[in-house]
C-alpha atoms as a PDB file:
ATOM      1  CA  MET A   1     147.356 140.543 145.971  1.00  0.00           C
ATOM      2  CA  LYS A   2     145.976 137.400 147.558  1.00  0.00           C
ATOM      3  CA  ILE A   3     148.238 134.667 148.933  1.00  0.00           C
ATOM      4  CA  SER A   4     147.092 131.072 148.547  1.00  0.00           C
ATOM      5  CA  GLU A   5     146.419 128.882 151.564  1.00  0.00           C
ATOM      6  CA  GLU A   6     149.281 126.594 150.534  1.00  0.00           C
ATOM      7  CA  LYS A   7     151.753 129.499 150.634  1.00  0.00           C
ATOM      8  CA  LYS A   8     150.364 130.690 153.981  1.00  0.00           C
ATOM      9  CA  LYS A   9     150.903 127.194 155.343  1.00  0.00           C
ATOM     10  CA  LYS A  10     154.523 127.183 154.143  1.00  0.00           C
ATOM     11  CA  ILE A  11     155.178 130.604 155.671  1.00  0.00           C
ATOM     12  CA  THR A  12     153.602 129.404 158.919  1.00  0.00           C
ATOM     13  CA  GLU A  13     155.965 126.414 158.893  1.00  0.00           C
ATOM     14  CA  GLN A  14     158.893 128.816 158.405  1.00  0.00           C
ATOM     15  CA  ILE A  15     157.728 130.839 161.406  1.00  0.00           C
ATOM     16  CA  LEU A  16     157.537 127.720 163.576  1.00  0.00           C
ATOM     17  CA  ALA A  17     160.974 126.562 162.400  1.00  0.00           C
ATOM     18  CA  HIS A  18     162.470 129.978 163.179  1.00  0.00           C
ATOM     19  CA  LEU A  19     160.930 130.007 166.660  1.00  0.00           C
ATOM     20  CA  TYR A  20     162.158 126.445 167.226  1.00  0.00           C
ATOM     21  CA  ASN A  21     165.728 127.375 166.281  1.00  0.00           C
ATOM     22  CA  LEU A  22     165.730 130.292 168.728  1.00  0.00           C
ATOM     23  CA  ASN A  23     163.794 128.543 171.514  1.00  0.00           C
ATOM     24  CA  PRO A  24     163.333 129.490 174.418  1.00  0.00           C
ATOM     25  CA  LYS A  25     164.219 133.093 173.498  1.00  0.00           C
ATOM     26  CA  PRO A  26     161.059 135.097 172.703  1.00  0.00           C
ATOM     27  CA  ILE A  27     161.197 136.996 169.400  1.00  0.00           C
ATOM     28  CA  PHE A  28     159.495 140.247 168.407  1.00  0.00           C
ATOM     29  CA  THR A  29     157.047 140.231 165.502  1.00  0.00           C
ATOM     30  CA  ALA A  30     159.229 142.699 163.590  1.00  0.00           C
ATOM     31  CA  HIS A  31     162.254 140.395 163.889  1.00  0.00           C
ATOM     32  CA  ILE A  32     160.312 137.430 162.517  1.00  0.00           C
ATOM     33  CA  ALA A  33     158.966 139.529 159.631  1.00  0.00           C
ATOM     34  CA  LYS A  34     162.456 140.788 158.804  1.00  0.00           C
ATOM     35  CA  GLU A  35     163.955 137.294 158.950  1.00  0.00           C
ATOM     36  CA  LEU A  36     161.308 135.885 156.600  1.00  0.00           C
ATOM     37  CA  ALA A  37     161.249 139.004 154.386  1.00  0.00           C
ATOM     38  CA  ARG A  38     157.503 139.498 154.843  1.00  0.00           C
ATOM     39  CA  ASP A  39     155.185 142.314 155.864  1.00  0.00           C
ATOM     40  CA  GLU A  40     154.799 142.741 159.638  1.00  0.00           C
ATOM     41  CA  GLU A  41     151.001 142.903 159.538  1.00  0.00           C
ATOM     42  CA  PHE A  42     150.822 139.691 157.499  1.00  0.00           C
ATOM     43  CA  ILE A  43     153.193 137.913 159.901  1.00  0.00           C
ATOM     44  CA  LYS A  44     151.214 139.232 162.884  1.00  0.00           C
ATOM     45  CA  LYS A  45     148.019 137.775 161.425  1.00  0.00           C
ATOM     46  CA  LEU A  46     149.696 134.369 161.028  1.00  0.00           C
ATOM     47  CA  LEU A  47     151.166 134.570 164.541  1.00  0.00           C
ATOM     48  CA  LEU A  48     147.768 135.318 166.066  1.00  0.00           C
ATOM     49  CA  ASN A  49     146.331 132.329 164.207  1.00  0.00           C
ATOM     50  CA  LEU A  50     149.109 130.098 165.595  1.00  0.00           C
ATOM     51  CA  HIS A  51     148.442 131.521 169.063  1.00  0.00           C
ATOM     52  CA  LYS A  52     144.746 130.594 168.803  1.00  0.00           C
ATOM     53  CA  LYS A  53     145.788 127.037 167.911  1.00  0.00           C
ATOM     54  CA  GLY A  54     148.027 126.881 170.995  1.00  0.00           C
ATOM     55  CA  LEU A  55     151.261 126.386 169.056  1.00  0.00           C
ATOM     56  CA  ILE A  56     152.944 129.575 170.218  1.00  0.00           C
ATOM     57  CA  VAL A  57     152.853 131.754 173.319  1.00  0.00           C
ATOM     58  CA  LYS A  58     152.388 135.525 173.179  1.00  0.00           C
ATOM     59  CA  ILE A  59     154.531 137.532 175.572  1.00  0.00           C
ATOM     60  CA  ASP A  60     153.213 141.055 176.002  1.00  0.00           C
ATOM     61  CA  LYS A  61     155.279 142.166 179.008  1.00  0.00           C
ATOM     62  CA  ASN A  62     158.949 143.040 179.299  1.00  0.00           C
ATOM     63  CA  SER A  63     161.355 141.485 181.800  1.00  0.00           C
ATOM     64  CA  GLU A  64     160.287 144.035 184.426  1.00  0.00           C
ATOM     65  CA  GLY A  65     156.604 143.086 184.084  1.00  0.00           C
ATOM     66  CA  ILE A  66     155.588 146.234 182.234  1.00  0.00           C
ATOM     67  CA  LYS A  67     153.064 145.597 179.481  1.00  0.00           C
ATOM     68  CA  TYR A  68     154.130 146.484 175.937  1.00  0.00           C
ATOM     69  CA  LEU A  69     151.914 149.110 174.332  1.00  0.00           C
ATOM     70  CA  LYS A  70     152.356 148.278 170.657  1.00  0.00           C
ATOM     71  CA  ARG A  71     154.419 145.139 170.242  1.00  0.00           C
ATOM     72  CA  SER A  72     154.605 141.491 171.245  1.00  0.00           C
ATOM     73  CA  ARG A  73     157.172 138.766 171.532  1.00  0.00           C
ATOM     74  CA  TRP A  74     156.533 135.145 170.621  1.00  0.00           C
ATOM     75  CA  ARG A  75     157.935 131.722 171.479  1.00  0.00           C
ATOM     76  CA  LEU A  76     156.919 128.129 170.850  1.00  0.00           C
ATOM     77  CA  SER A  77     154.579 126.584 173.389  1.00  0.00           C
ATOM     78  CA  ASP A  78     156.039 123.720 175.397  1.00  0.00           C
ATOM     79  CA  LYS A  79     153.704 121.243 173.700  1.00  0.00           C
ATOM     80  CA  ALA A  80     154.677 122.412 170.214  1.00  0.00           C
ATOM     81  CA  TYR A  81     158.378 122.314 171.127  1.00  0.00           C
ATOM     82  CA  GLU A  82     158.128 118.694 172.252  1.00  0.00           C
ATOM     83  CA  VAL A  83     156.339 117.648 169.059  1.00  0.00           C
ATOM     84  CA  TYR A  84     158.764 119.579 166.854  1.00  0.00           C
ATOM     85  CA  HIS A  85     161.769 118.182 168.775  1.00  0.00           C
ATOM     86  CA  LYS A  86     160.631 114.574 168.237  1.00  0.00           C
ATOM     87  CA  HIS A  87     160.442 115.097 164.468  1.00  0.00           C
ATOM     88  CA  GLN A  88     163.903 116.627 164.134  1.00  0.00           C
END
């Protein structure tokens, strides 16, 4: 099943809103997927696209500095937070 670009854009907006509400706490991909009731791989693809655009920051190390092997956490970039905050 193919998802239209319009629906992808709306889901992306939901991701950004969720990250904004929980800012500055970084969130795991699985948590975002569960919250939005979407497939993890689909959400990961959208997150990587947002990361390329500079809207979110990927955190791939835990609090002790050890790199995660299979998962990532995400948070809004400072620039995106400022823009989002002005429009709220």
